[in-house]
């Protein structure tokens, strides 16, 4: 490819206080360049927009270093190799990796592993499915439920953010493993989809009133919650803690209700944590990157479920790199319906 090809990028201009706005981003253009020995150039096709991205914008210690001011915003995505001096990747290969919010990425040989660049097989799933059930959200749901939740047939699994990327995988996988699946989502349309299309046993609309979650959990979990997969934190986590069964397992995956706290206010902690003691329950945090060496196991299993129809995958696709600032905020307003994907270029 020509070294004169321009690369449009979205860089972090300043750290946000509360919700990010367009002012937090800087759009830049620079030449792509040619790969050195062992390197590749990848053209971005679609990017995964995830709640975790809001945390990566904050300064401070976390499970992964923050995005530096002036750096291209971190994002996982699907792309196509357009130049290669690496025998493991051929021009035309479809790949997944940390591509960043940009049209192209030049990855030197020494960064290929760090960027998690791997070839993917589009026969196993579509590009958007590789960013959903077969991608990081699906891996999060799979290993959080299976390794930490340890589901047993007949148990009751509750998942918040049920219509989102992680939640839809958790609930469907729970059903496949013989459990009852109860979702919590925002709005009747999402709840209807979770029950009628994904096969959950019930779904609670947290927007239906101040006591909707508490009353819904009481009605749908008469024997308590065996596994609670938490994507939202805050008051919904407290409501779930109040309904635990003996020996319950709680997976702390995320706390989207807390990510845009103004002036970097601390996240609201659980008030009902003594329920863990009373019910001999276990609460454990999880970060999907810890399971990277086993992704292939989960991909193979869930690709089979997609093929035989036992699992469905819904994506909400927004088009155009220019729309990134507003598209990302759809996650925090609940506007997205399914896994949020930013399409950058045609396949």
C-alpha atoms as a PDB file:
ATOM      1  CA  UNK A   1       0.000   0.000   0.000  1.00  0.00           C
ATOM      2  CA  UNK A   2       1.081   3.610  -0.507  1.00  0.00           C
ATOM      3  CA  UNK A   3       2.688   5.416   2.417  1.00  0.00           C
ATOM      4  CA  UNK A   4       0.685   8.482   1.356  1.00  0.00           C
ATOM      5  CA  UNK A   5      -2.603   6.919   2.537  1.00  0.00           C
ATOM      6  CA  UNK A   6      -4.103   9.150   5.256  1.00  0.00           C
ATOM      7  CA  UNK A   7      -5.217   7.812   8.610  1.00  0.00           C
ATOM      8  CA  UNK A   8      -8.007   9.634  10.452  1.00  0.00           C
ATOM      9  CA  UNK A   9      -7.791   9.176  14.211  1.00  0.00           C
ATOM     10  CA  UNK A  10      -9.669  10.079  17.389  1.00  0.00           C
ATOM     11  CA  UNK A  11      -7.357  11.088  20.238  1.00  0.00           C
ATOM     12  CA  UNK A  12      -8.088  11.825  23.906  1.00  0.00           C
ATOM     13  CA  UNK A  13      -7.716  15.607  24.247  1.00  0.00           C
ATOM     14  CA  UNK A  14      -8.567  15.919  27.952  1.00  0.00           C
ATOM     15  CA  UNK A  15      -9.947  13.735  30.714  1.00  0.00           C
ATOM     16  CA  UNK A  16     -13.711  14.069  31.223  1.00  0.00           C
ATOM     17  CA  UNK A  17     -15.493  15.170  34.373  1.00  0.00           C
ATOM     18  CA  UNK A  18     -18.722  13.215  34.331  1.00  0.00           C
ATOM     19  CA  UNK A  19     -19.947  12.286  30.855  1.00  0.00           C
ATOM     20  CA  UNK A  20     -17.495  12.721  27.982  1.00  0.00           C
ATOM     21  CA  UNK A  21     -18.344  15.326  25.338  1.00  0.00           C
ATOM     22  CA  UNK A  22     -16.957  16.081  21.889  1.00  0.00           C
ATOM     23  CA  UNK A  23     -14.563  18.529  23.601  1.00  0.00           C
ATOM     24  CA  UNK A  24     -12.756  15.579  25.187  1.00  0.00           C
ATOM     25  CA  UNK A  25     -11.651  14.379  21.747  1.00  0.00           C
ATOM     26  CA  UNK A  26      -9.331  15.626  19.034  1.00  0.00           C
ATOM     27  CA  UNK A  27      -9.632  14.424  15.430  1.00  0.00           C
ATOM     28  CA  UNK A  28      -6.299  14.172  13.628  1.00  0.00           C
ATOM     29  CA  UNK A  29      -4.999  12.947  10.260  1.00  0.00           C
ATOM     30  CA  UNK A  30      -1.538  11.560   9.527  1.00  0.00           C
ATOM     31  CA  UNK A  31       0.113   9.230   6.978  1.00  0.00           C
ATOM     32  CA  UNK A  32      -0.166   5.509   7.720  1.00  0.00           C
ATOM     33  CA  UNK A  33       3.391   4.549   6.781  1.00  0.00           C
ATOM     34  CA  UNK A  34       4.840   1.220   5.674  1.00  0.00           C
ATOM     35  CA  UNK A  35       5.469  -1.761   7.987  1.00  0.00           C
ATOM     36  CA  UNK A  36       9.029  -2.715   8.894  1.00  0.00           C
ATOM     37  CA  UNK A  37      10.155  -6.362   8.942  1.00  0.00           C
ATOM     38  CA  UNK A  38       7.631  -8.379  10.975  1.00  0.00           C
ATOM     39  CA  UNK A  39       5.026  -5.624  11.044  1.00  0.00           C
ATOM     40  CA  UNK A  40       1.565  -5.240   9.520  1.00  0.00           C
ATOM     41  CA  UNK A  41      -0.881  -2.523   8.552  1.00  0.00           C
ATOM     42  CA  UNK A  42      -4.550  -3.164   9.327  1.00  0.00           C
ATOM     43  CA  UNK A  43      -7.518  -1.268   7.919  1.00  0.00           C
ATOM     44  CA  UNK A  44     -10.244  -0.883  10.564  1.00  0.00           C
ATOM     45  CA  UNK A  45     -13.662  -2.207   9.561  1.00  0.00           C
ATOM     46  CA  UNK A  46     -15.671  -2.083  12.811  1.00  0.00           C
ATOM     47  CA  UNK A  47     -14.923  -1.157  16.417  1.00  0.00           C
ATOM     48  CA  UNK A  48     -16.410  -2.411  19.665  1.00  0.00           C
ATOM     49  CA  UNK A  49     -17.811   0.374  21.869  1.00  0.00           C
ATOM     50  CA  UNK A  50     -17.798  -0.797  25.479  1.00  0.00           C
ATOM     51  CA  UNK A  51     -18.613   0.712  28.901  1.00  0.00           C
ATOM     52  CA  UNK A  52     -15.043  -0.028  30.019  1.00  0.00           C
ATOM     53  CA  UNK A  53     -13.817   2.658  27.630  1.00  0.00           C
ATOM     54  CA  UNK A  54     -15.115   5.341  29.997  1.00  0.00           C
ATOM     55  CA  UNK A  55     -12.884   3.961  32.760  1.00  0.00           C
ATOM     56  CA  UNK A  56      -9.841   3.899  30.459  1.00  0.00           C
ATOM     57  CA  UNK A  57     -10.201   7.666  30.074  1.00  0.00           C
ATOM     58  CA  UNK A  58      -9.662   8.284  33.794  1.00  0.00           C
ATOM     59  CA  UNK A  59      -6.271   8.820  35.341  1.00  0.00           C
ATOM     60  CA  UNK A  60      -5.355   6.444  38.148  1.00  0.00           C
ATOM     61  CA  UNK A  61      -4.525   2.846  38.914  1.00  0.00           C
ATOM     62  CA  UNK A  62      -6.726   0.204  37.335  1.00  0.00           C
ATOM     63  CA  UNK A  63      -6.464  -3.218  35.718  1.00  0.00           C
ATOM     64  CA  UNK A  64      -5.091  -1.556  32.579  1.00  0.00           C
ATOM     65  CA  UNK A  65      -3.127   1.715  32.141  1.00  0.00           C
ATOM     66  CA  UNK A  66      -5.243   4.772  31.278  1.00  0.00           C
ATOM     67  CA  UNK A  67      -5.247   6.171  27.762  1.00  0.00           C
ATOM     68  CA  UNK A  68      -2.687   8.963  27.747  1.00  0.00           C
ATOM     69  CA  UNK A  69      -3.646  12.512  26.790  1.00  0.00           C
ATOM     70  CA  UNK A  70      -2.958  12.895  23.073  1.00  0.00           C
ATOM     71  CA  UNK A  71      -3.054   9.143  22.403  1.00  0.00           C
ATOM     72  CA  UNK A  72      -5.415   7.411  19.994  1.00  0.00           C
ATOM     73  CA  UNK A  73      -8.400   6.148  21.985  1.00  0.00           C
ATOM     74  CA  UNK A  74      -8.111   2.465  22.820  1.00  0.00           C
ATOM     75  CA  UNK A  75     -10.716   0.146  21.281  1.00  0.00           C
ATOM     76  CA  UNK A  76     -10.970  -3.436  20.159  1.00  0.00           C
ATOM     77  CA  UNK A  77     -12.023  -4.055  16.611  1.00  0.00           C
ATOM     78  CA  UNK A  78     -12.115  -6.096  13.449  1.00  0.00           C
ATOM     79  CA  UNK A  79      -9.941  -5.155  10.502  1.00  0.00           C
ATOM     80  CA  UNK A  80      -8.362  -6.391   7.307  1.00  0.00           C
ATOM     81  CA  UNK A  81      -4.627  -6.728   6.728  1.00  0.00           C
ATOM     82  CA  UNK A  82      -3.661  -4.373   3.882  1.00  0.00           C
ATOM     83  CA  UNK A  83       0.151  -4.622   4.142  1.00  0.00           C
ATOM     84  CA  UNK A  84       2.276  -7.298   5.781  1.00  0.00           C
ATOM     85  CA  UNK A  85       5.884  -8.187   6.341  1.00  0.00           C
ATOM     86  CA  UNK A  86       4.931 -10.887   8.825  1.00  0.00           C
ATOM     87  CA  UNK A  87       4.565 -14.528   7.687  1.00  0.00           C
ATOM     88  CA  UNK A  88       1.740 -15.092  10.186  1.00  0.00           C
ATOM     89  CA  UNK A  89      -0.510 -12.532   8.459  1.00  0.00           C
ATOM     90  CA  UNK A  90      -1.306 -12.275   4.757  1.00  0.00           C
ATOM     91  CA  UNK A  91      -2.827  -9.330   2.934  1.00  0.00           C
ATOM     92  CA  UNK A  92      -6.586  -9.891   2.981  1.00  0.00           C
ATOM     93  CA  UNK A  93      -6.683 -11.697   6.353  1.00  0.00           C
ATOM     94  CA  UNK A  94      -9.503 -10.629   8.662  1.00  0.00           C
ATOM     95  CA  UNK A  95      -8.148  -9.946  12.156  1.00  0.00           C
ATOM     96  CA  UNK A  96      -9.264  -8.957  15.634  1.00  0.00           C
ATOM     97  CA  UNK A  97      -7.168  -6.846  17.984  1.00  0.00           C
ATOM     98  CA  UNK A  98      -6.759  -3.559  19.811  1.00  0.00           C
ATOM     99  CA  UNK A  99      -6.940  -1.335  16.758  1.00  0.00           C
ATOM    100  CA  UNK A 100      -7.864   1.983  18.372  1.00  0.00           C
ATOM    101  CA  UNK A 101     -10.405   4.535  17.155  1.00  0.00           C
ATOM    102  CA  UNK A 102      -8.804   5.169  13.774  1.00  0.00           C
ATOM    103  CA  UNK A 103      -9.038   4.112  10.139  1.00  0.00           C
ATOM    104  CA  UNK A 104      -5.697   2.266   9.987  1.00  0.00           C
ATOM    105  CA  UNK A 105      -3.100   0.978  12.426  1.00  0.00           C
ATOM    106  CA  UNK A 106       0.541   0.154  11.744  1.00  0.00           C
ATOM    107  CA  UNK A 107       1.583  -2.537  14.215  1.00  0.00           C
ATOM    108  CA  UNK A 108       5.310  -3.285  14.585  1.00  0.00           C
ATOM    109  CA  UNK A 109       6.325  -6.899  15.177  1.00  0.00           C
ATOM    110  CA  UNK A 110       7.042  -6.267  18.863  1.00  0.00           C
ATOM    111  CA  UNK A 111       3.494  -4.954  19.436  1.00  0.00           C
ATOM    112  CA  UNK A 112       1.503  -7.675  17.661  1.00  0.00           C
ATOM    113  CA  UNK A 113       1.087  -9.800  20.798  1.00  0.00           C
ATOM    114  CA  UNK A 114       0.405  -6.782  23.020  1.00  0.00           C
ATOM    115  CA  UNK A 115      -2.325  -5.638  20.623  1.00  0.00           C
ATOM    116  CA  UNK A 116      -3.834  -9.126  20.730  1.00  0.00           C
ATOM    117  CA  UNK A 117      -3.824  -9.376  16.952  1.00  0.00           C
ATOM    118  CA  UNK A 118      -5.290 -12.702  15.820  1.00  0.00           C
ATOM    119  CA  UNK A 119      -6.824 -13.995  12.611  1.00  0.00           C
ATOM    120  CA  UNK A 120     -10.537 -14.729  12.748  1.00  0.00           C
ATOM    121  CA  UNK A 121     -12.734 -16.989  10.657  1.00  0.00           C
ATOM    122  CA  UNK A 122     -15.838 -15.277   9.306  1.00  0.00           C
ATOM    123  CA  UNK A 123     -17.360 -18.714   8.709  1.00  0.00           C
ATOM    124  CA  UNK A 124     -17.829 -18.927  12.512  1.00  0.00           C
ATOM    125  CA  UNK A 125     -19.706 -15.635  12.700  1.00  0.00           C
ATOM    126  CA  UNK A 126     -20.195 -12.235  11.094  1.00  0.00           C
ATOM    127  CA  UNK A 127     -17.954  -9.230  11.784  1.00  0.00           C
ATOM    128  CA  UNK A 128     -20.432  -7.850  14.301  1.00  0.00           C
ATOM    129  CA  UNK A 129     -20.832 -11.249  15.988  1.00  0.00           C
ATOM    130  CA  UNK A 130     -17.044 -11.348  16.386  1.00  0.00           C
ATOM    131  CA  UNK A 131     -17.394  -8.113  18.363  1.00  0.00           C
ATOM    132  CA  UNK A 132     -20.290  -9.497  20.410  1.00  0.00           C
ATOM    133  CA  UNK A 133     -20.847 -13.151  21.327  1.00  0.00           C
ATOM    134  CA  UNK A 134     -17.521 -14.271  19.810  1.00  0.00           C
ATOM    135  CA  UNK A 135     -15.635 -11.175  20.996  1.00  0.00           C
ATOM    136  CA  UNK A 136     -14.723  -9.545  24.284  1.00  0.00           C
ATOM    137  CA  UNK A 137     -18.324  -9.193  25.571  1.00  0.00           C
ATOM    138  CA  UNK A 138     -19.038 -12.850  24.856  1.00  0.00           C
ATOM    139  CA  UNK A 139     -15.785 -13.929  26.478  1.00  0.00           C
ATOM    140  CA  UNK A 140     -16.669 -11.805  29.516  1.00  0.00           C
ATOM    141  CA  UNK A 141     -20.079 -13.404  29.827  1.00  0.00           C
ATOM    142  CA  UNK A 142     -18.772 -16.912  29.256  1.00  0.00           C
ATOM    143  CA  UNK A 143     -15.881 -16.938  31.711  1.00  0.00           C
ATOM    144  CA  UNK A 144     -17.663 -14.815  34.309  1.00  0.00           C
ATOM    145  CA  UNK A 145     -20.632 -17.177  34.371  1.00  0.00           C
ATOM    146  CA  UNK A 146     -18.821 -20.471  33.892  1.00  0.00           C
ATOM    147  CA  UNK A 147     -15.635 -19.949  35.938  1.00  0.00           C
ATOM    148  CA  UNK A 148     -16.893 -17.699  38.728  1.00  0.00           C
ATOM    149  CA  UNK A 149     -20.628 -18.409  38.686  1.00  0.00           C
ATOM    150  CA  UNK A 150     -20.228 -22.195  38.309  1.00  0.00           C
ATOM    151  CA  UNK A 151     -23.866 -22.671  37.206  1.00  0.00           C
ATOM    152  CA  UNK A 152     -25.721 -25.836  38.108  1.00  0.00           C
ATOM    153  CA  UNK A 153     -28.932 -27.038  36.425  1.00  0.00           C
ATOM    154  CA  UNK A 154     -32.027 -25.652  38.116  1.00  0.00           C
ATOM    155  CA  UNK A 155     -30.302 -22.637  39.659  1.00  0.00           C
ATOM    156  CA  UNK A 156     -31.600 -19.096  39.217  1.00  0.00           C
ATOM    157  CA  UNK A 157     -29.288 -16.708  37.381  1.00  0.00           C
ATOM    158  CA  UNK A 158     -30.000 -12.961  37.376  1.00  0.00           C
ATOM    159  CA  UNK A 159     -28.132 -10.594  35.061  1.00  0.00           C
ATOM    160  CA  UNK A 160     -28.360  -6.807  34.912  1.00  0.00           C
ATOM    161  CA  UNK A 161     -27.880  -5.032  31.600  1.00  0.00           C
ATOM    162  CA  UNK A 162     -29.610  -8.066  30.113  1.00  0.00           C
ATOM    163  CA  UNK A 163     -30.166  -6.536  26.670  1.00  0.00           C
ATOM    164  CA  UNK A 164     -26.556  -5.373  26.388  1.00  0.00           C
ATOM    165  CA  UNK A 165     -23.589  -7.186  24.937  1.00  0.00           C
ATOM    166  CA  UNK A 166     -22.479  -9.137  28.023  1.00  0.00           C
ATOM    167  CA  UNK A 167     -25.955  -9.616  29.456  1.00  0.00           C
ATOM    168  CA  UNK A 168     -27.442 -11.266  26.380  1.00  0.00           C
ATOM    169  CA  UNK A 169     -24.649 -13.862  26.385  1.00  0.00           C
ATOM    170  CA  UNK A 170     -24.956 -14.563  30.117  1.00  0.00           C
ATOM    171  CA  UNK A 171     -28.695 -15.190  30.023  1.00  0.00           C
ATOM    172  CA  UNK A 172     -28.670 -17.383  26.936  1.00  0.00           C
ATOM    173  CA  UNK A 173     -25.718 -19.386  28.229  1.00  0.00           C
ATOM    174  CA  UNK A 174     -27.483 -19.839  31.582  1.00  0.00           C
ATOM    175  CA  UNK A 175     -30.486 -21.334  29.778  1.00  0.00           C
ATOM    176  CA  UNK A 176     -28.275 -23.641  27.718  1.00  0.00           C
ATOM    177  CA  UNK A 177     -26.706 -24.879  30.979  1.00  0.00           C
ATOM    178  CA  UNK A 178     -30.135 -25.694  32.422  1.00  0.00           C
ATOM    179  CA  UNK A 179     -30.653 -22.662  34.678  1.00  0.00           C
ATOM    180  CA  UNK A 180     -33.502 -20.188  35.050  1.00  0.00           C
ATOM    181  CA  UNK A 181     -32.503 -16.807  33.587  1.00  0.00           C
ATOM    182  CA  UNK A 182     -33.937 -13.551  34.899  1.00  0.00           C
ATOM    183  CA  UNK A 183     -32.875 -10.326  33.205  1.00  0.00           C
ATOM    184  CA  UNK A 184     -32.931  -6.703  34.310  1.00  0.00           C
ATOM    185  CA  UNK A 185     -33.101  -4.120  31.493  1.00  0.00           C
ATOM    186  CA  UNK A 186     -34.318  -0.601  30.791  1.00  0.00           C
ATOM    187  CA  UNK A 187     -37.617  -0.304  28.967  1.00  0.00           C
ATOM    188  CA  UNK A 188     -40.416  -2.652  27.965  1.00  0.00           C
ATOM    189  CA  UNK A 189     -39.097  -3.170  24.423  1.00  0.00           C
ATOM    190  CA  UNK A 190     -35.770  -4.481  25.700  1.00  0.00           C
ATOM    191  CA  UNK A 191     -37.480  -6.700  28.272  1.00  0.00           C
ATOM    192  CA  UNK A 192     -39.836  -8.144  25.661  1.00  0.00           C
ATOM    193  CA  UNK A 193     -36.890  -8.914  23.365  1.00  0.00           C
ATOM    194  CA  UNK A 194     -34.918 -10.581  26.168  1.00  0.00           C
ATOM    195  CA  UNK A 195     -37.846 -12.887  26.974  1.00  0.00           C
ATOM    196  CA  UNK A 196     -39.398 -13.469  23.531  1.00  0.00           C
ATOM    197  CA  UNK A 197     -36.250 -13.627  21.391  1.00  0.00           C
ATOM    198  CA  UNK A 198     -33.475 -14.727  23.755  1.00  0.00           C
ATOM    199  CA  UNK A 199     -35.593 -17.095  25.831  1.00  0.00           C
ATOM    200  CA  UNK A 200     -35.055 -15.647  29.319  1.00  0.00           C
ATOM    201  CA  UNK A 201     -37.678 -16.784  31.826  1.00  0.00           C
ATOM    202  CA  UNK A 202     -38.474 -13.197  32.828  1.00  0.00           C
ATOM    203  CA  UNK A 203     -37.099  -9.673  32.564  1.00  0.00           C
ATOM    204  CA  UNK A 204     -37.544  -6.789  34.996  1.00  0.00           C
ATOM    205  CA  UNK A 205     -37.860  -3.254  33.653  1.00  0.00           C
ATOM    206  CA  UNK A 206     -35.861  -1.106  36.080  1.00  0.00           C
ATOM    207  CA  UNK A 207     -37.447   2.014  34.574  1.00  0.00           C
ATOM    208  CA  UNK A 208     -40.941   0.896  35.613  1.00  0.00           C
ATOM    209  CA  UNK A 209     -40.738   2.562  39.048  1.00  0.00           C
ATOM    210  CA  UNK A 210     -38.563   2.948  42.152  1.00  0.00           C
ATOM    211  CA  UNK A 211     -39.513  -0.474  43.543  1.00  0.00           C
ATOM    212  CA  UNK A 212     -39.632  -2.317  40.201  1.00  0.00           C
ATOM    213  CA  UNK A 213     -36.371  -4.234  40.655  1.00  0.00           C
ATOM    214  CA  UNK A 214     -37.007  -5.148  44.287  1.00  0.00           C
ATOM    215  CA  UNK A 215     -40.568  -6.296  43.565  1.00  0.00           C
ATOM    216  CA  UNK A 216     -39.555  -8.080  40.379  1.00  0.00           C
ATOM    217  CA  UNK A 217     -36.779 -10.053  42.070  1.00  0.00           C
ATOM    218  CA  UNK A 218     -39.161 -11.043  44.851  1.00  0.00           C
ATOM    219  CA  UNK A 219     -41.708 -12.285  42.303  1.00  0.00           C
ATOM    220  CA  UNK A 220     -39.317 -14.081  39.954  1.00  0.00           C
ATOM    221  CA  UNK A 221     -36.781 -15.410  42.467  1.00  0.00           C
ATOM    222  CA  UNK A 222     -38.963 -16.867  45.258  1.00  0.00           C
ATOM    223  CA  UNK A 223     -36.139 -19.166  46.400  1.00  0.00           C
ATOM    224  CA  UNK A 224     -33.501 -16.464  46.054  1.00  0.00           C
ATOM    225  CA  UNK A 225     -30.740 -15.704  43.546  1.00  0.00           C
ATOM    226  CA  UNK A 226     -28.072 -18.364  43.089  1.00  0.00           C
ATOM    227  CA  UNK A 227     -25.916 -16.384  40.650  1.00  0.00           C
ATOM    228  CA  UNK A 228     -26.015 -12.629  40.115  1.00  0.00           C
ATOM    229  CA  UNK A 229     -24.009 -11.251  37.198  1.00  0.00           C
ATOM    230  CA  UNK A 230     -23.632  -7.516  37.801  1.00  0.00           C
ATOM    231  CA  UNK A 231     -23.026  -5.053  34.973  1.00  0.00           C
ATOM    232  CA  UNK A 232     -24.500  -1.926  36.550  1.00  0.00           C
ATOM    233  CA  UNK A 233     -23.685  -1.593  40.269  1.00  0.00           C
ATOM    234  CA  UNK A 234     -25.491   0.971  42.432  1.00  0.00           C
ATOM    235  CA  UNK A 235     -29.017   0.412  43.684  1.00  0.00           C
ATOM    236  CA  UNK A 236     -29.666  -2.602  41.459  1.00  0.00           C
ATOM    237  CA  UNK A 237     -26.700  -4.427  43.002  1.00  0.00           C
ATOM    238  CA  UNK A 238     -28.135  -3.686  46.450  1.00  0.00           C
ATOM    239  CA  UNK A 239     -31.537  -5.052  45.425  1.00  0.00           C
ATOM    240  CA  UNK A 240     -29.917  -8.276  44.204  1.00  0.00           C
ATOM    241  CA  UNK A 241     -27.856  -8.665  47.386  1.00  0.00           C
ATOM    242  CA  UNK A 242     -31.085  -8.495  49.364  1.00  0.00           C
ATOM    243  CA  UNK A 243     -32.416 -11.598  47.555  1.00  0.00           C
ATOM    244  CA  UNK A 244     -29.448 -13.984  47.704  1.00  0.00           C
ATOM    245  CA  UNK A 245     -29.855 -17.721  48.205  1.00  0.00           C
ATOM    246  CA  UNK A 246     -27.528 -19.686  50.460  1.00  0.00           C
ATOM    247  CA  UNK A 247     -24.137 -20.109  48.770  1.00  0.00           C
ATOM    248  CA  UNK A 248     -24.838 -17.517  46.060  1.00  0.00           C
ATOM    249  CA  UNK A 249     -22.104 -16.328  43.708  1.00  0.00           C
ATOM    250  CA  UNK A 250     -21.944 -12.681  42.579  1.00  0.00           C
ATOM    251  CA  UNK A 251     -19.815 -11.734  39.566  1.00  0.00           C
ATOM    252  CA  UNK A 252     -18.737  -8.079  39.522  1.00  0.00           C
ATOM    253  CA  UNK A 253     -18.214  -7.333  35.852  1.00  0.00           C
ATOM    254  CA  UNK A 254     -19.006  -3.629  35.665  1.00  0.00           C
ATOM    255  CA  UNK A 255     -20.859  -0.693  37.196  1.00  0.00           C
ATOM    256  CA  UNK A 256     -22.143   1.361  34.301  1.00  0.00           C
ATOM    257  CA  UNK A 257     -24.468   3.347  36.577  1.00  0.00           C
ATOM    258  CA  UNK A 258     -21.396   4.805  38.301  1.00  0.00           C
ATOM    259  CA  UNK A 259     -18.970   5.509  35.444  1.00  0.00           C
ATOM    260  CA  UNK A 260     -20.083   9.068  34.725  1.00  0.00           C
ATOM    261  CA  UNK A 261     -20.238  10.284  38.332  1.00  0.00           C
ATOM    262  CA  UNK A 262     -19.632  14.028  38.353  1.00  0.00           C
ATOM    263  CA  UNK A 263     -16.265  15.309  39.564  1.00  0.00           C
ATOM    264  CA  UNK A 264     -14.943  11.745  39.714  1.00  0.00           C
ATOM    265  CA  UNK A 265     -17.058  10.983  42.786  1.00  0.00           C
ATOM    266  CA  UNK A 266     -16.381   7.519  44.222  1.00  0.00           C
ATOM    267  CA  UNK A 267     -18.593   4.693  43.023  1.00  0.00           C
ATOM    268  CA  UNK A 268     -21.512   3.876  45.302  1.00  0.00           C
ATOM    269  CA  UNK A 269     -20.565   0.771  47.250  1.00  0.00           C
ATOM    270  CA  UNK A 270     -22.953  -2.015  48.244  1.00  0.00           C
ATOM    271  CA  UNK A 271     -25.045  -1.233  51.323  1.00  0.00           C
ATOM    272  CA  UNK A 272     -26.320  -4.803  51.652  1.00  0.00           C
ATOM    273  CA  UNK A 273     -22.911  -6.472  51.760  1.00  0.00           C
ATOM    274  CA  UNK A 274     -23.714  -8.271  55.044  1.00  0.00           C
ATOM    275  CA  UNK A 275     -26.006 -10.482  52.982  1.00  0.00           C
ATOM    276  CA  UNK A 276     -22.783 -12.160  51.846  1.00  0.00           C
ATOM    277  CA  UNK A 277     -22.124 -13.192  55.424  1.00  0.00           C
ATOM    278  CA  UNK A 278     -25.673 -14.294  56.223  1.00  0.00           C
ATOM    279  CA  UNK A 279     -25.973 -16.357  53.033  1.00  0.00           C
ATOM    280  CA  UNK A 280     -22.359 -17.622  52.921  1.00  0.00           C
ATOM    281  CA  UNK A 281     -22.178 -15.985  49.510  1.00  0.00           C
ATOM    282  CA  UNK A 282     -19.157 -15.052  47.412  1.00  0.00           C
ATOM    283  CA  UNK A 283     -18.607 -11.825  45.457  1.00  0.00           C
ATOM    284  CA  UNK A 284     -15.747 -11.770  42.957  1.00  0.00           C
ATOM    285  CA  UNK A 285     -14.551  -9.270  40.376  1.00  0.00           C
ATOM    286  CA  UNK A 286     -13.511 -10.364  36.910  1.00  0.00           C
ATOM    287  CA  UNK A 287     -11.479  -8.909  34.050  1.00  0.00           C
ATOM    288  CA  UNK A 288     -11.800 -10.746  30.760  1.00  0.00           C
ATOM    289  CA  UNK A 289      -8.130 -10.357  29.764  1.00  0.00           C
ATOM    290  CA  UNK A 290      -7.215 -12.884  32.476  1.00  0.00           C
ATOM    291  CA  UNK A 291      -8.784 -15.617  30.326  1.00  0.00           C
ATOM    292  CA  UNK A 292      -7.101 -14.722  27.022  1.00  0.00           C
ATOM    293  CA  UNK A 293      -5.305 -18.049  26.691  1.00  0.00           C
ATOM    294  CA  UNK A 294      -8.702 -19.835  26.751  1.00  0.00           C
ATOM    295  CA  UNK A 295     -10.712 -17.582  24.419  1.00  0.00           C
ATOM    296  CA  UNK A 296     -10.520 -20.216  21.676  1.00  0.00           C
ATOM    297  CA  UNK A 297     -12.403 -22.677  23.896  1.00  0.00           C
ATOM    298  CA  UNK A 298     -15.307 -20.282  24.449  1.00  0.00           C
ATOM    299  CA  UNK A 299     -15.337 -19.169  20.798  1.00  0.00           C
ATOM    300  CA  UNK A 300     -15.596 -22.749  19.582  1.00  0.00           C
ATOM    301  CA  UNK A 301     -18.434 -23.558  21.987  1.00  0.00           C
ATOM    302  CA  UNK A 302     -20.497 -20.444  21.348  1.00  0.00           C
ATOM    303  CA  UNK A 303     -19.952 -20.487  17.581  1.00  0.00           C
ATOM    304  CA  UNK A 304     -21.655 -23.873  17.749  1.00  0.00           C
ATOM    305  CA  UNK A 305     -24.596 -22.357  19.646  1.00  0.00           C
ATOM    306  CA  UNK A 306     -24.918 -19.579  17.050  1.00  0.00           C
ATOM    307  CA  UNK A 307     -24.926 -22.141  14.246  1.00  0.00           C
ATOM    308  CA  UNK A 308     -27.536 -24.416  15.782  1.00  0.00           C
ATOM    309  CA  UNK A 309     -29.766 -21.494  16.804  1.00  0.00           C
ATOM    310  CA  UNK A 310     -29.482 -21.924  20.562  1.00  0.00           C
ATOM    311  CA  UNK A 311     -27.849 -18.508  20.854  1.00  0.00           C
ATOM    312  CA  UNK A 312     -28.694 -15.225  19.139  1.00  0.00           C
ATOM    313  CA  UNK A 313     -26.588 -12.125  18.724  1.00  0.00           C
ATOM    314  CA  UNK A 314     -27.995  -8.612  18.375  1.00  0.00           C
ATOM    315  CA  UNK A 315     -25.832  -5.627  17.456  1.00  0.00           C
ATOM    316  CA  UNK A 316     -26.610  -1.915  17.319  1.00  0.00           C
ATOM    317  CA  UNK A 317     -24.437  -0.492  14.531  1.00  0.00           C
ATOM    318  CA  UNK A 318     -23.566   3.206  14.243  1.00  0.00           C
ATOM    319  CA  UNK A 319     -21.691   4.318  11.120  1.00  0.00           C
ATOM    320  CA  UNK A 320     -18.768   6.690  10.697  1.00  0.00           C
ATOM    321  CA  UNK A 321     -15.652   7.580  12.675  1.00  0.00           C
ATOM    322  CA  UNK A 322     -16.977  11.146  13.073  1.00  0.00           C
ATOM    323  CA  UNK A 323     -19.909   9.873  15.141  1.00  0.00           C
ATOM    324  CA  UNK A 324     -17.676   8.261  17.797  1.00  0.00           C
ATOM    325  CA  UNK A 325     -18.152  10.829  20.643  1.00  0.00           C
ATOM    326  CA  UNK A 326     -21.945  10.672  20.509  1.00  0.00           C
ATOM    327  CA  UNK A 327     -22.039   6.941  19.738  1.00  0.00           C
ATOM    328  CA  UNK A 328     -19.995   6.080  22.851  1.00  0.00           C
ATOM    329  CA  UNK A 329     -22.409   8.033  25.052  1.00  0.00           C
ATOM    330  CA  UNK A 330     -25.330   5.909  23.841  1.00  0.00           C
ATOM    331  CA  UNK A 331     -24.023   3.244  26.219  1.00  0.00           C
ATOM    332  CA  UNK A 332     -24.571   5.436  29.255  1.00  0.00           C
ATOM    333  CA  UNK A 333     -27.978   6.796  28.298  1.00  0.00           C
ATOM    334  CA  UNK A 334     -29.285   3.310  27.537  1.00  0.00           C
ATOM    335  CA  UNK A 335     -29.977   4.243  23.903  1.00  0.00           C
ATOM    336  CA  UNK A 336     -28.171   1.220  22.488  1.00  0.00           C
ATOM    337  CA  UNK A 337     -30.197  -1.920  21.894  1.00  0.00           C
ATOM    338  CA  UNK A 338     -27.762  -4.821  21.769  1.00  0.00           C
ATOM    339  CA  UNK A 339     -24.003  -4.732  21.359  1.00  0.00           C
ATOM    340  CA  UNK A 340     -22.878  -1.263  20.278  1.00  0.00           C
ATOM    341  CA  UNK A 341     -20.608  -1.337  17.217  1.00  0.00           C
ATOM    342  CA  UNK A 342     -19.024   1.560  15.296  1.00  0.00           C
ATOM    343  CA  UNK A 343     -18.702   0.752  11.596  1.00  0.00           C
ATOM    344  CA  UNK A 344     -15.659   2.520  10.188  1.00  0.00           C
ATOM    345  CA  UNK A 345     -15.402   1.020   6.685  1.00  0.00           C
ATOM    346  CA  UNK A 346     -17.114  -1.497   4.442  1.00  0.00           C
ATOM    347  CA  UNK A 347     -15.755  -5.018   4.472  1.00  0.00           C
END
